[in-house]
């Protein structure tokens, strides 16, 4: 099941509970300001996203809509990092991510054909 990225802030609020932002941020290994921004709906950078997902015990793939086993060798995996900027909309970043994943799957399928699999 895919989770909308907007739910990340709600999951942080639930996990943090009555604890202060500083204590929760220390557990998540991010700054209090960063955790607060994400809690309020800002999209984190990739490293922060990974730390928060680890702290929440949530698979990041649930937010990204990525299939668990794509069969792609880790060393051949395409990686993209989008920083939130006013010039890049959320829809654009999502579309670019989908394009990269589609190209990655096509590359993997072609490699399988070339190997005769």
C-alpha atoms as a PDB file:
ATOM      1  CA  UNK A   1       0.000   0.000   0.000  1.00  0.00           C
ATOM      2  CA  UNK A   2       1.371   3.383  -1.026  1.00  0.00           C
ATOM      3  CA  UNK A   3       1.275   6.220   1.490  1.00  0.00           C
ATOM      4  CA  UNK A   4       0.958   9.816   0.309  1.00  0.00           C
ATOM      5  CA  UNK A   5       4.091  11.783   1.179  1.00  0.00           C
ATOM      6  CA  UNK A   6       1.817  14.271   2.968  1.00  0.00           C
ATOM      7  CA  UNK A   7       1.266  11.613   5.652  1.00  0.00           C
ATOM      8  CA  UNK A   8       4.926  11.732   6.676  1.00  0.00           C
ATOM      9  CA  UNK A   9       4.265  14.750   8.912  1.00  0.00           C
ATOM     10  CA  UNK A  10       1.267  13.054  10.529  1.00  0.00           C
ATOM     11  CA  UNK A  11       3.324   9.928  11.261  1.00  0.00           C
ATOM     12  CA  UNK A  12       5.999  12.093  12.891  1.00  0.00           C
ATOM     13  CA  UNK A  13       3.385  13.834  15.053  1.00  0.00           C
ATOM     14  CA  UNK A  14       1.944  10.479  16.154  1.00  0.00           C
ATOM     15  CA  UNK A  15       5.340   8.952  16.956  1.00  0.00           C
ATOM     16  CA  UNK A  16       6.555  12.071  18.747  1.00  0.00           C
ATOM     17  CA  UNK A  17       3.459  12.142  20.926  1.00  0.00           C
ATOM     18  CA  UNK A  18       3.915  14.291  24.019  1.00  0.00           C
ATOM     19  CA  UNK A  19       7.698  14.327  23.703  1.00  0.00           C
ATOM     20  CA  UNK A  20       9.330  17.565  22.715  1.00  0.00           C
ATOM     21  CA  UNK A  21      10.636  18.158  19.224  1.00  0.00           C
ATOM     22  CA  UNK A  22      14.246  18.113  20.482  1.00  0.00           C
ATOM     23  CA  UNK A  23      13.965  14.627  22.014  1.00  0.00           C
ATOM     24  CA  UNK A  24      12.232  13.218  18.942  1.00  0.00           C
ATOM     25  CA  UNK A  25      14.758  14.847  16.590  1.00  0.00           C
ATOM     26  CA  UNK A  26      17.647  13.398  18.600  1.00  0.00           C
ATOM     27  CA  UNK A  27      16.131   9.919  18.255  1.00  0.00           C
ATOM     28  CA  UNK A  28      15.627  10.424  14.517  1.00  0.00           C
ATOM     29  CA  UNK A  29      19.180  11.812  14.200  1.00  0.00           C
ATOM     30  CA  UNK A  30      18.031  15.039  12.510  1.00  0.00           C
ATOM     31  CA  UNK A  31      17.933  18.613  13.739  1.00  0.00           C
ATOM     32  CA  UNK A  32      14.855  19.824  15.624  1.00  0.00           C
ATOM     33  CA  UNK A  33      14.287  22.517  12.968  1.00  0.00           C
ATOM     34  CA  UNK A  34      14.370  19.916  10.198  1.00  0.00           C
ATOM     35  CA  UNK A  35      11.984  17.565  11.995  1.00  0.00           C
ATOM     36  CA  UNK A  36       9.628  20.468  12.662  1.00  0.00           C
ATOM     37  CA  UNK A  37       9.671  21.516   8.989  1.00  0.00           C
ATOM     38  CA  UNK A  38       8.879  17.968   7.828  1.00  0.00           C
ATOM     39  CA  UNK A  39       6.212  17.653  10.500  1.00  0.00           C
ATOM     40  CA  UNK A  40       4.634  20.815   9.050  1.00  0.00           C
ATOM     41  CA  UNK A  41       4.507  19.430   5.515  1.00  0.00           C
ATOM     42  CA  UNK A  42       7.847  20.354   3.949  1.00  0.00           C
ATOM     43  CA  UNK A  43       9.523  17.640   1.921  1.00  0.00           C
ATOM     44  CA  UNK A  44      12.870  16.493   3.343  1.00  0.00           C
ATOM     45  CA  UNK A  45      16.014  15.832   1.345  1.00  0.00           C
ATOM     46  CA  UNK A  46      16.787  12.194   0.610  1.00  0.00           C
ATOM     47  CA  UNK A  47      19.165  11.608   3.543  1.00  0.00           C
ATOM     48  CA  UNK A  48      16.726  13.146   6.015  1.00  0.00           C
ATOM     49  CA  UNK A  49      13.856  11.184   4.478  1.00  0.00           C
ATOM     50  CA  UNK A  50      15.802   7.947   5.015  1.00  0.00           C
ATOM     51  CA  UNK A  51      16.593   8.813   8.659  1.00  0.00           C
ATOM     52  CA  UNK A  52      12.987   9.735   9.416  1.00  0.00           C
ATOM     53  CA  UNK A  53      11.665   6.567   7.759  1.00  0.00           C
ATOM     54  CA  UNK A  54      14.123   4.493   9.834  1.00  0.00           C
ATOM     55  CA  UNK A  55      12.992   6.265  13.001  1.00  0.00           C
ATOM     56  CA  UNK A  56       9.328   5.758  12.092  1.00  0.00           C
ATOM     57  CA  UNK A  57      10.047   2.129  11.148  1.00  0.00           C
ATOM     58  CA  UNK A  58       8.354   2.709   7.779  1.00  0.00           C
ATOM     59  CA  UNK A  59       9.689   1.387   4.481  1.00  0.00           C
ATOM     60  CA  UNK A  60      10.449   4.440   2.284  1.00  0.00           C
ATOM     61  CA  UNK A  61       9.140   2.480  -0.710  1.00  0.00           C
ATOM     62  CA  UNK A  62       5.626   2.859   0.728  1.00  0.00           C
ATOM     63  CA  UNK A  63       5.831   6.615   0.084  1.00  0.00           C
ATOM     64  CA  UNK A  64       7.569   6.305  -3.264  1.00  0.00           C
ATOM     65  CA  UNK A  65       5.348   3.623  -4.778  1.00  0.00           C
ATOM     66  CA  UNK A  66       8.386   1.480  -5.541  1.00  0.00           C
ATOM     67  CA  UNK A  67       7.959  -2.251  -5.851  1.00  0.00           C
ATOM     68  CA  UNK A  68       9.882  -4.174  -3.209  1.00  0.00           C
ATOM     69  CA  UNK A  69      11.738  -6.522  -5.601  1.00  0.00           C
ATOM     70  CA  UNK A  70      12.442  -4.912  -8.960  1.00  0.00           C
ATOM     71  CA  UNK A  71      15.158  -7.424  -9.803  1.00  0.00           C
ATOM     72  CA  UNK A  72      17.603  -4.615 -10.479  1.00  0.00           C
ATOM     73  CA  UNK A  73      21.144  -5.147  -9.279  1.00  0.00           C
ATOM     74  CA  UNK A  74      21.935  -2.564  -6.600  1.00  0.00           C
ATOM     75  CA  UNK A  75      25.059  -1.369  -8.409  1.00  0.00           C
ATOM     76  CA  UNK A  76      22.945  -0.589 -11.495  1.00  0.00           C
ATOM     77  CA  UNK A  77      20.275   1.322  -9.625  1.00  0.00           C
ATOM     78  CA  UNK A  78      19.485   4.838 -10.784  1.00  0.00           C
ATOM     79  CA  UNK A  79      19.507   7.387  -7.996  1.00  0.00           C
ATOM     80  CA  UNK A  80      17.980  10.853  -8.032  1.00  0.00           C
ATOM     81  CA  UNK A  81      17.839  13.527  -5.390  1.00  0.00           C
ATOM     82  CA  UNK A  82      15.365  16.385  -5.601  1.00  0.00           C
ATOM     83  CA  UNK A  83      15.705  19.315  -3.274  1.00  0.00           C
ATOM     84  CA  UNK A  84      12.613  21.313  -2.632  1.00  0.00           C
ATOM     85  CA  UNK A  85      12.824  24.545  -4.576  1.00  0.00           C
ATOM     86  CA  UNK A  86      10.147  26.986  -5.572  1.00  0.00           C
ATOM     87  CA  UNK A  87      10.972  26.304  -9.234  1.00  0.00           C
ATOM     88  CA  UNK A  88      10.234  22.556  -9.018  1.00  0.00           C
ATOM     89  CA  UNK A  89       6.686  21.545  -8.207  1.00  0.00           C
ATOM     90  CA  UNK A  90       5.852  18.370  -6.325  1.00  0.00           C
ATOM     91  CA  UNK A  91       4.115  17.042  -9.453  1.00  0.00           C
ATOM     92  CA  UNK A  92       7.241  17.664 -11.549  1.00  0.00           C
ATOM     93  CA  UNK A  93       9.469  15.880  -9.036  1.00  0.00           C
ATOM     94  CA  UNK A  94       7.024  12.942  -8.870  1.00  0.00           C
ATOM     95  CA  UNK A  95       6.861  12.720 -12.668  1.00  0.00           C
ATOM     96  CA  UNK A  96      10.643  12.861 -12.992  1.00  0.00           C
ATOM     97  CA  UNK A  97      10.980  10.112 -10.386  1.00  0.00           C
ATOM     98  CA  UNK A  98       8.474   7.935 -12.269  1.00  0.00           C
ATOM     99  CA  UNK A  99      10.369   8.552 -15.518  1.00  0.00           C
ATOM    100  CA  UNK A 100      13.667   7.523 -13.934  1.00  0.00           C
ATOM    101  CA  UNK A 101      12.129   4.351 -12.474  1.00  0.00           C
ATOM    102  CA  UNK A 102      10.534   3.483 -15.828  1.00  0.00           C
ATOM    103  CA  UNK A 103      13.862   3.923 -17.623  1.00  0.00           C
ATOM    104  CA  UNK A 104      15.536   1.782 -14.972  1.00  0.00           C
ATOM    105  CA  UNK A 105      12.995  -1.038 -15.481  1.00  0.00           C
ATOM    106  CA  UNK A 106      13.376  -0.825 -19.277  1.00  0.00           C
ATOM    107  CA  UNK A 107      17.157  -1.008 -18.966  1.00  0.00           C
ATOM    108  CA  UNK A 108      16.875  -4.042 -16.720  1.00  0.00           C
ATOM    109  CA  UNK A 109      14.438  -5.771 -19.102  1.00  0.00           C
ATOM    110  CA  UNK A 110      16.771  -5.127 -22.058  1.00  0.00           C
ATOM    111  CA  UNK A 111      19.726  -6.523 -20.116  1.00  0.00           C
ATOM    112  CA  UNK A 112      17.695  -9.662 -19.316  1.00  0.00           C
ATOM    113  CA  UNK A 113      16.865 -10.116 -23.017  1.00  0.00           C
ATOM    114  CA  UNK A 114      20.513  -9.694 -23.969  1.00  0.00           C
ATOM    115  CA  UNK A 115      21.477 -12.371 -21.428  1.00  0.00           C
ATOM    116  CA  UNK A 116      18.743 -14.666 -22.769  1.00  0.00           C
ATOM    117  CA  UNK A 117      16.743 -14.764 -19.547  1.00  0.00           C
END
